[in-house]
Amino acid sequence: MDLQFGIECLVCIGLTILFHFLQVSYLSSSGLFIWTLVGGLTCWLIWLTNFWRARNTFRSVIKVSLKLVSYALYSLVLIMVVNALLAIVWQGTHFWAQGLLSLGTILIIGLSLPGFFKLVVNETNPILRMVSIFFYYLGFGLFPQSLGFGNHYVNDYGAPYWLAFISATLLVIYAMVHWGYQLPQLKFNHHLNYWWLALLVIPRFLVMGFSAGSWSRFFSLPLQIRLVIPNNSLTTATIYAVFTIVTVCFKEELIFRYLFLAQILNAVKGSVRTRILKTTLITATLFAAWHLHHIFYQPFTTTCLQILAAFGMGVVFAIIYLYTGTIWVTVIMHSIFDLFSVDMAGSVTPFVSQPTSFLVEFILITTTAQVAIGLIAIYTMKTGPFEQTIRANQRKQVLRRPALNRLEN
């Protein structure tokens, strides 16, 4: 795959320049042209570093910098080039537009494989592994939303979306298994204290009340639980719910409670409780930071509150995963939180407007409570279930190393 990656980069560079001068599709834009060209050149330079004979600190810094840029722009390069090819074919033939978009989706998935193995699978640095797998999953997980020509775009919730998401999910899980991490398991760890588990779970559901709008409304009985989904039709609502669960809730849990958490857990040192604490705080911080992207279409203050709320959620979800040994509990909880609201005062989420005093107070109180309960749980619960999760993580790593050593020799 290494040679294919180098050839692919050169071809993409050439096509990017050609399509820009021909003013084809998105590459007619100077901004997108520059970013796509930079991405192609950076990926090609990464391939050239294979031929460096000597290593020194300067070259290591250069290589890491090139890798970071490549991770961020590799998907853009393939998407822009393939989209331009589709636009040319469509303009010349006016072939079935949705068929071309589906074909383009398959083509991008196939073309991403050399880069996937070069930039992701072959990476050995733990931090760069997390960065590479994160950008690959985001870049290729839902890329069909970036495809389009003329007045034709991928249909909402259409087959290309599912094909891209499922393919990217299977590939990142393959990378984790290749690196020696276990698959997300279905069964719970042994000897769980379900009272403690309930204490972690129940307060999380109370946080759904942030949409109530006021304390009097929140404490009024009976509480009304509402679906936060379109009411156009049962079919539309069902598709929206499934799409949200799979491409939002499951995706975020897979990233932060599996792709990141498993690697961080393996890297941190100390006693069982210390490792659990470090892993929890690091993954919760990363999960909170992920919500920074909302700042582009939400008020700054509201986004800060959302980041704080995400940190509390990240603390609880990390502990639940580490205690139970499975991400499926947090996937279900995340789905319920995203699809339901408690006595919602308005028709939209409160995070899209300036925060009310109730929202500020509610987020501060519930986040503090969740973090406090999480810390108490870490230092009070018996460590047996936590140790099971740690051992399962380490066992796969130990079994993997001899095989890797044989391959290297």
Protein backbone atom coordinates (compact mmCIF):
# COMPACT_ATOMS: atom_id res chain seq x y z
CA MET A 1 0.00 0.00 0.00
CA ASP A 2 3.00 2.32 0.50
CA LEU A 3 3.80 2.73 -3.20
CA GLN A 4 0.10 3.11 -4.03
CA PHE A 5 -0.11 5.95 -1.49
CA GLY A 6 2.79 7.82 -3.11
CA ILE A 7 1.34 7.39 -6.61
CA GLU A 8 -2.12 8.42 -5.40
CA CYS A 9 -0.72 11.63 -3.89
CA LEU A 10 1.07 12.59 -7.13
CA VAL A 11 -2.04 11.91 -9.21
CA CYS A 12 -4.20 13.97 -6.83
CA ILE A 13 -1.74 16.88 -6.98
CA GLY A 14 -1.80 16.85 -10.77
CA LEU A 15 -5.59 16.59 -10.99
CA THR A 16 -6.06 19.33 -8.39
CA ILE A 17 -3.99 21.77 -10.46
CA LEU A 18 -5.72 20.72 -13.70
CA PHE A 19 -9.24 21.02 -12.28
CA HIS A 20 -8.49 24.43 -10.79
CA PHE A 21 -7.40 25.84 -14.15
CA LEU A 22 -10.44 24.24 -15.79
CA GLN A 23 -12.64 25.81 -13.07
CA VAL A 24 -14.28 22.49 -12.22
CA SER A 25 -16.67 22.17 -9.26
CA TYR A 26 -15.38 23.19 -5.81
CA LEU A 27 -11.77 23.39 -7.03
CA SER A 28 -12.67 26.57 -8.93
CA SER A 29 -12.52 28.25 -5.51
CA SER A 30 -9.02 29.57 -4.75
CA GLY A 31 -9.36 28.75 -1.06
CA LEU A 32 -10.35 25.12 -1.56
CA PHE A 33 -7.75 24.75 -4.31
CA ILE A 34 -4.95 25.93 -2.00
CA TRP A 35 -6.02 23.69 0.89
CA THR A 36 -6.43 20.68 -1.40
CA LEU A 37 -3.04 21.29 -3.01
CA VAL A 38 -1.36 21.71 0.39
CA GLY A 39 -2.98 18.46 1.54
CA GLY A 40 -1.80 16.55 -1.53
CA LEU A 41 1.75 17.91 -1.30
CA THR A 42 1.95 17.19 2.43
CA CYS A 43 0.79 13.59 1.99
CA TRP A 44 3.35 13.12 -0.80
CA LEU A 45 6.11 14.53 1.42
CA ILE A 46 5.08 12.06 4.13
CA TRP A 47 5.61 9.29 1.60
CA LEU A 48 9.05 10.72 0.70
CA THR A 49 10.16 10.59 4.35
CA ASN A 50 10.37 6.80 3.94
CA PHE A 51 13.64 7.41 2.09
CA TRP A 52 15.29 9.44 4.84
CA ARG A 53 18.38 7.54 5.91
CA ALA A 54 19.43 9.34 9.06
CA ARG A 55 17.15 10.51 11.84
CA ASN A 56 17.56 13.56 14.05
CA THR A 57 15.39 15.84 16.15
CA PHE A 58 14.83 18.36 13.37
CA ARG A 59 13.67 15.70 10.91
CA SER A 60 11.42 14.16 13.56
CA VAL A 61 9.74 17.52 14.17
CA ILE A 62 9.29 18.04 10.43
CA LYS A 63 7.82 14.55 10.01
CA VAL A 64 5.36 14.96 12.89
CA SER A 65 4.27 18.35 11.52
CA LEU A 66 3.71 16.85 8.07
CA LYS A 67 1.71 14.01 9.60
CA LEU A 68 -0.59 16.38 11.50
CA VAL A 69 -1.34 18.37 8.35
CA SER A 70 -1.86 15.15 6.37
CA TYR A 71 -4.31 13.79 8.94
CA ALA A 72 -6.40 16.95 8.71
CA LEU A 73 -6.39 17.36 4.91
CA TYR A 74 -6.17 13.86 3.43
CA SER A 75 -9.94 13.37 3.26
CA LEU A 76 -10.37 16.85 1.71
CA VAL A 77 -7.93 15.95 -1.09
CA LEU A 78 -9.78 12.80 -2.12
CA ILE A 79 -13.24 14.34 -1.77
CA MET A 80 -12.39 17.41 -3.87
CA VAL A 81 -10.67 15.43 -6.64
CA VAL A 82 -13.38 12.76 -6.90
CA ASN A 83 -16.14 15.37 -6.77
CA ALA A 84 -14.51 17.23 -9.68
CA LEU A 85 -14.31 13.97 -11.66
CA LEU A 86 -18.01 13.33 -11.00
CA ALA A 87 -18.90 16.87 -12.11
CA ILE A 88 -17.03 16.39 -15.41
CA VAL A 89 -18.73 13.05 -16.09
CA TRP A 90 -22.15 14.48 -15.25
CA GLN A 91 -21.68 17.57 -17.43
CA GLY A 92 -20.65 15.39 -20.37
CA THR A 93 -23.28 12.66 -20.03
CA HIS A 94 -26.02 13.89 -17.65
CA PHE A 95 -25.97 10.36 -16.32
CA TRP A 96 -28.15 9.43 -13.32
CA ALA A 97 -26.92 11.95 -10.71
CA GLN A 98 -27.64 9.90 -7.58
CA GLY A 99 -25.96 6.91 -9.22
CA LEU A 100 -22.84 8.98 -9.86
CA LEU A 101 -22.84 10.21 -6.25
CA SER A 102 -23.09 6.62 -5.01
CA LEU A 103 -20.26 5.62 -7.36
CA GLY A 104 -18.20 8.54 -6.06
CA THR A 105 -18.78 7.39 -2.49
CA ILE A 106 -17.49 3.90 -3.29
CA LEU A 107 -14.52 5.39 -5.16
CA ILE A 108 -13.51 7.62 -2.23
CA ILE A 109 -13.75 4.73 0.22
CA GLY A 110 -11.51 2.62 -2.01
CA LEU A 111 -9.02 5.43 -2.64
CA SER A 112 -8.77 6.13 1.10
CA LEU A 113 -7.33 2.67 1.83
CA PRO A 114 -3.67 3.43 0.92
CA GLY A 115 -3.77 6.51 3.15
CA PHE A 116 -5.57 4.59 5.88
CA PHE A 117 -2.79 2.01 6.06
CA LYS A 118 0.02 4.54 5.63
CA LEU A 119 -1.21 7.30 7.95
CA VAL A 120 -3.27 5.36 10.49
CA VAL A 121 -2.54 1.62 10.71
CA ASN A 122 1.25 1.94 10.40
CA GLU A 123 1.50 4.69 13.05
CA THR A 124 3.33 3.62 16.23
CA ASN A 125 3.22 6.76 18.39
CA PRO A 126 0.23 6.55 20.81
CA ILE A 127 -0.69 10.25 20.55
CA LEU A 128 -0.38 10.32 16.76
CA ARG A 129 -2.47 7.16 16.60
CA MET A 130 -5.32 8.93 18.37
CA VAL A 131 -5.00 12.02 16.18
CA SER A 132 -4.81 10.02 12.94
CA ILE A 133 -7.74 7.73 13.71
CA PHE A 134 -9.84 10.71 14.88
CA PHE A 135 -9.33 12.69 11.67
CA TYR A 136 -9.79 9.64 9.46
CA TYR A 137 -13.08 8.75 11.14
CA LEU A 138 -14.38 12.32 10.99
CA GLY A 139 -13.15 12.94 7.46
CA PHE A 140 -14.46 9.76 5.89
CA GLY A 141 -17.36 8.91 8.22
CA LEU A 142 -19.93 11.26 6.68
CA PHE A 143 -18.15 12.72 3.66
CA PRO A 144 -21.10 12.27 1.18
CA GLN A 145 -22.55 15.51 2.58
CA SER A 146 -19.66 17.26 0.77
CA LEU A 147 -20.39 15.68 -2.62
CA GLY A 148 -22.45 17.52 -5.21
CA PHE A 149 -22.58 18.97 -8.70
CA GLY A 150 -25.12 21.17 -10.46
CA ASN A 151 -28.24 21.03 -8.30
CA HIS A 152 -27.61 17.43 -7.26
CA TYR A 153 -26.47 16.36 -3.82
CA VAL A 154 -26.64 13.17 -1.78
CA ASN A 155 -30.16 12.62 -0.46
CA ASP A 156 -30.56 13.14 3.28
CA TYR A 157 -30.03 9.85 5.12
CA GLY A 158 -29.40 8.15 1.74
CA ALA A 159 -27.40 4.99 1.08
CA PRO A 160 -24.08 6.84 0.48
CA TYR A 161 -24.18 8.23 4.03
CA TRP A 162 -24.66 4.77 5.50
CA LEU A 163 -22.03 3.22 3.24
CA ALA A 164 -19.44 5.82 4.18
CA PHE A 165 -20.18 5.67 7.90
CA ILE A 166 -20.23 1.86 8.13
CA SER A 167 -17.02 1.57 6.08
CA ALA A 168 -15.17 4.14 8.19
CA THR A 169 -16.41 2.51 11.42
CA LEU A 170 -15.23 -0.95 10.37
CA LEU A 171 -11.85 0.42 9.29
CA VAL A 172 -11.13 2.30 12.55
CA ILE A 173 -12.15 -0.77 14.56
CA TYR A 174 -9.80 -2.82 12.36
CA ALA A 175 -6.99 -0.37 13.20
CA MET A 176 -7.67 -0.76 16.94
CA VAL A 177 -7.62 -4.55 16.66
CA HIS A 178 -4.42 -4.35 14.59
CA TRP A 179 -2.85 -2.27 17.36
CA GLY A 180 -3.83 -4.95 19.86
CA TYR A 181 -6.99 -3.57 21.50
CA GLN A 182 -10.06 -5.67 22.14
CA LEU A 183 -13.34 -5.17 20.31
CA PRO A 184 -16.11 -3.31 22.19
CA GLN A 185 -17.63 -6.10 24.26
CA LEU A 186 -21.32 -6.76 24.81
CA LYS A 187 -21.19 -8.39 28.24
CA PHE A 188 -20.69 -6.60 31.56
CA ASN A 189 -17.72 -7.10 33.83
CA HIS A 190 -18.22 -9.46 36.77
CA HIS A 191 -19.13 -8.47 40.35
CA LEU A 192 -20.69 -5.11 39.56
CA ASN A 193 -22.36 -3.11 42.31
CA TYR A 194 -25.59 -2.11 40.57
CA TRP A 195 -26.47 0.39 43.29
CA TRP A 196 -23.34 2.34 42.44
CA LEU A 197 -24.09 1.96 38.74
CA ALA A 198 -27.58 3.36 39.30
CA LEU A 199 -26.10 6.27 41.26
CA LEU A 200 -23.96 7.10 38.23
CA VAL A 201 -26.76 6.63 35.70
CA ILE A 202 -29.80 8.31 37.32
CA PRO A 203 -28.29 11.81 37.88
CA ARG A 204 -27.25 11.78 34.23
CA PHE A 205 -30.90 11.51 33.19
CA LEU A 206 -31.83 14.43 35.46
CA VAL A 207 -29.57 16.60 33.30
CA MET A 208 -32.17 16.25 30.54
CA GLY A 209 -34.12 18.86 32.48
CA PHE A 210 -31.86 21.64 31.18
CA SER A 211 -34.50 22.24 28.48
CA ALA A 212 -37.24 23.08 31.02
CA GLY A 213 -36.40 26.79 31.00
CA SER A 214 -37.11 27.50 34.69
CA TRP A 215 -36.86 25.83 38.10
CA SER A 216 -40.62 26.01 38.66
CA ARG A 217 -41.23 24.23 35.36
CA PHE A 218 -38.52 21.66 36.15
CA PHE A 219 -40.04 20.81 39.55
CA SER A 220 -43.65 20.81 38.32
CA LEU A 221 -45.38 17.43 38.24
CA PRO A 222 -45.99 15.44 36.24
CA LEU A 223 -42.89 15.95 34.10
CA GLN A 224 -43.42 15.64 30.37
CA ILE A 225 -40.90 13.59 28.40
CA ARG A 226 -40.83 14.67 24.77
CA LEU A 227 -39.11 13.37 21.66
CA VAL A 228 -36.77 15.95 20.13
CA ILE A 229 -37.33 14.73 16.56
CA PRO A 230 -39.28 15.94 13.50
CA ASN A 231 -43.01 15.31 13.70
CA ASN A 232 -43.62 15.30 9.93
CA SER A 233 -44.31 11.57 9.73
CA LEU A 234 -43.54 8.34 11.54
CA THR A 235 -41.16 7.32 8.76
CA THR A 236 -39.22 10.60 8.90
CA ALA A 237 -39.07 10.50 12.69
CA THR A 238 -37.83 6.90 12.68
CA ILE A 239 -35.13 7.58 10.08
CA TYR A 240 -34.03 10.71 11.97
CA ALA A 241 -33.87 8.80 15.26
CA VAL A 242 -31.86 5.92 13.79
CA PHE A 243 -29.52 8.29 11.97
CA THR A 244 -28.94 10.32 15.16
CA ILE A 245 -28.31 7.23 17.29
CA VAL A 246 -25.85 5.71 14.83
CA THR A 247 -24.00 8.69 13.36
CA VAL A 248 -23.97 10.95 16.43
CA CYS A 249 -24.38 9.00 19.67
CA PHE A 250 -22.67 5.77 18.64
CA LYS A 251 -19.96 7.66 16.74
CA GLU A 252 -19.07 9.90 19.69
CA GLU A 253 -19.08 6.99 22.13
CA LEU A 254 -16.89 4.95 19.78
CA ILE A 255 -14.41 7.82 19.49
CA PHE A 256 -14.19 8.97 23.10
CA ARG A 257 -15.03 5.81 25.06
CA TYR A 258 -13.21 3.34 22.78
CA LEU A 259 -10.77 4.77 20.22
CA PHE A 260 -9.36 7.29 22.72
CA LEU A 261 -10.09 5.76 26.11
CA ALA A 262 -8.57 2.34 25.39
CA GLN A 263 -5.30 3.90 24.24
CA ILE A 264 -5.14 6.40 27.10
CA LEU A 265 -5.87 3.67 29.65
CA ASN A 266 -2.97 1.68 28.27
CA ALA A 267 -0.61 4.68 28.40
CA VAL A 268 -1.25 6.13 31.88
CA LYS A 269 0.62 4.76 34.88
CA GLY A 270 -0.07 4.36 38.59
CA SER A 271 -2.41 2.39 40.84
CA VAL A 272 -5.77 1.16 39.55
CA ARG A 273 -7.65 4.15 40.99
CA THR A 274 -5.00 6.59 39.72
CA ARG A 275 -5.17 5.16 36.20
CA ILE A 276 -8.97 5.29 36.24
CA LEU A 277 -8.90 8.91 37.45
CA LYS A 278 -6.34 10.01 34.85
CA THR A 279 -8.14 8.23 32.02
CA THR A 280 -11.49 9.68 33.09
CA LEU A 281 -10.27 13.27 33.31
CA ILE A 282 -8.31 13.14 30.04
CA THR A 283 -11.14 11.63 28.00
CA ALA A 284 -13.70 13.96 29.60
CA THR A 285 -11.52 16.95 28.68
CA LEU A 286 -11.20 15.72 25.08
CA PHE A 287 -14.95 15.15 24.89
CA ALA A 288 -15.59 18.66 26.21
CA ALA A 289 -13.08 20.16 23.75
CA TRP A 290 -14.87 18.39 20.90
CA HIS A 291 -17.88 20.65 21.52
CA LEU A 292 -15.81 23.74 20.74
CA HIS A 293 -16.93 23.45 17.11
CA HIS A 294 -20.38 24.69 18.20
CA ILE A 295 -18.88 28.14 18.72
CA PHE A 296 -19.25 28.84 14.98
CA TYR A 297 -23.06 28.85 15.15
CA GLN A 298 -23.89 29.39 18.83
CA PRO A 299 -23.30 32.27 21.26
CA PHE A 300 -19.89 32.07 22.97
CA THR A 301 -21.30 31.96 26.52
CA THR A 302 -23.76 29.22 25.64
CA THR A 303 -21.02 27.16 24.00
CA CYS A 304 -18.90 27.47 27.15
CA LEU A 305 -21.81 26.09 29.17
CA GLN A 306 -22.22 23.26 26.68
CA ILE A 307 -18.51 22.43 26.99
CA LEU A 308 -18.85 22.37 30.78
CA ALA A 309 -21.90 20.10 30.54
CA ALA A 310 -20.01 17.83 28.14
CA PHE A 311 -17.16 17.53 30.65
CA GLY A 312 -19.56 16.31 33.33
CA MET A 313 -21.09 13.89 30.87
CA GLY A 314 -17.61 12.70 29.85
CA VAL A 315 -16.66 12.00 33.47
CA VAL A 316 -19.74 9.89 34.14
CA PHE A 317 -19.63 8.04 30.82
CA ALA A 318 -15.92 7.20 31.16
CA ILE A 319 -16.44 5.75 34.64
CA ILE A 320 -19.47 3.75 33.49
CA TYR A 321 -17.47 2.29 30.60
CA LEU A 322 -14.44 1.49 32.76
CA TYR A 323 -16.68 -0.08 35.43
CA THR A 324 -18.94 -2.13 33.14
CA GLY A 325 -16.37 -2.87 30.42
CA THR A 326 -18.81 -2.03 27.60
CA ILE A 327 -19.66 1.13 25.65
CA TRP A 328 -23.23 0.03 24.97
CA VAL A 329 -24.59 1.43 28.24
CA THR A 330 -23.25 4.87 27.37
CA VAL A 331 -24.47 4.57 23.76
CA ILE A 332 -28.01 3.98 25.06
CA MET A 333 -27.75 6.82 27.59
CA HIS A 334 -26.32 9.19 25.01
CA SER A 335 -29.13 8.31 22.59
CA ILE A 336 -31.83 8.94 25.19
CA PHE A 337 -30.25 12.26 26.12
CA ASP A 338 -30.09 13.42 22.48
CA LEU A 339 -33.57 12.23 21.48
CA PHE A 340 -35.63 13.16 24.55
CA SER A 341 -36.13 16.26 26.68
CA VAL A 342 -37.86 16.88 30.00
CA ASP A 343 -40.74 19.36 29.73
CA MET A 344 -39.06 21.36 26.97
CA ALA A 345 -40.06 25.03 27.21
CA GLY A 346 -39.34 25.88 23.57
CA SER A 347 -39.21 24.20 20.19
CA VAL A 348 -35.41 24.28 19.95
CA THR A 349 -32.51 23.44 22.27
CA PRO A 350 -31.62 26.26 24.72
CA PHE A 351 -27.99 26.10 23.55
CA VAL A 352 -28.76 27.99 20.31
CA SER A 353 -29.58 31.27 22.11
CA GLN A 354 -28.08 33.38 24.88
CA PRO A 355 -28.16 31.46 28.19
CA THR A 356 -30.80 32.20 30.80
CA SER A 357 -29.99 32.37 34.50
CA PHE A 358 -31.74 29.02 34.88
CA LEU A 359 -29.51 27.35 32.26
CA VAL A 360 -26.35 28.73 33.89
CA GLU A 361 -27.40 27.59 37.36
CA PHE A 362 -28.63 24.21 36.10
CA ILE A 363 -25.42 23.39 34.18
CA LEU A 364 -23.17 24.49 37.06
CA ILE A 365 -25.09 22.46 39.65
CA THR A 366 -25.53 19.29 37.58
CA THR A 367 -21.94 19.28 36.29
CA THR A 368 -20.55 19.75 39.80
CA ALA A 369 -22.80 16.95 41.06
CA GLN A 370 -21.76 14.57 38.27
CA VAL A 371 -18.05 15.20 38.77
CA ALA A 372 -18.40 14.84 42.55
CA ILE A 373 -20.31 11.56 42.24
CA GLY A 374 -17.75 10.33 39.72
CA LEU A 375 -14.79 11.09 41.99
CA ILE A 376 -16.51 9.51 44.99
CA ALA A 377 -17.26 6.43 42.89
CA ILE A 378 -13.64 6.07 41.75
CA TYR A 379 -12.32 6.16 45.31
CA THR A 380 -15.17 4.23 46.96
CA MET A 381 -16.23 1.43 44.61
CA LYS A 382 -14.33 -1.85 44.70
CA THR A 383 -11.70 -1.94 41.97
CA GLY A 384 -12.45 -5.48 40.73
CA PRO A 385 -14.53 -4.46 37.69
CA PHE A 386 -12.05 -1.68 36.84
CA GLU A 387 -9.20 -4.21 36.99
CA GLN A 388 -11.09 -6.47 34.57
CA THR A 389 -11.23 -3.66 32.01
CA ILE A 390 -7.53 -2.87 32.50
CA ARG A 391 -6.51 -6.54 32.22
CA ALA A 392 -8.57 -7.05 29.06
CA ASN A 393 -6.87 -4.00 27.55
CA GLN A 394 -3.38 -5.15 28.54
CA ARG A 395 -3.88 -8.82 27.61
CA LYS A 396 -4.56 -7.98 23.99
CA GLN A 397 -1.51 -5.73 23.95
CA VAL A 398 0.77 -8.40 25.37
CA LEU A 399 -0.52 -11.01 22.91
CA ARG A 400 -0.03 -8.59 20.05
CA ARG A 401 3.60 -7.65 20.73
CA PRO A 402 5.22 -11.05 20.01
CA ALA A 403 3.43 -11.20 16.65
CA LEU A 404 4.59 -7.69 15.78
CA ASN A 405 8.15 -8.53 16.78
CA ARG A 406 8.14 -11.55 14.47
CA LEU A 407 6.90 -9.40 11.60
CA GLU A 408 9.58 -6.77 12.23
CA ASN A 409 12.32 -9.39 12.34
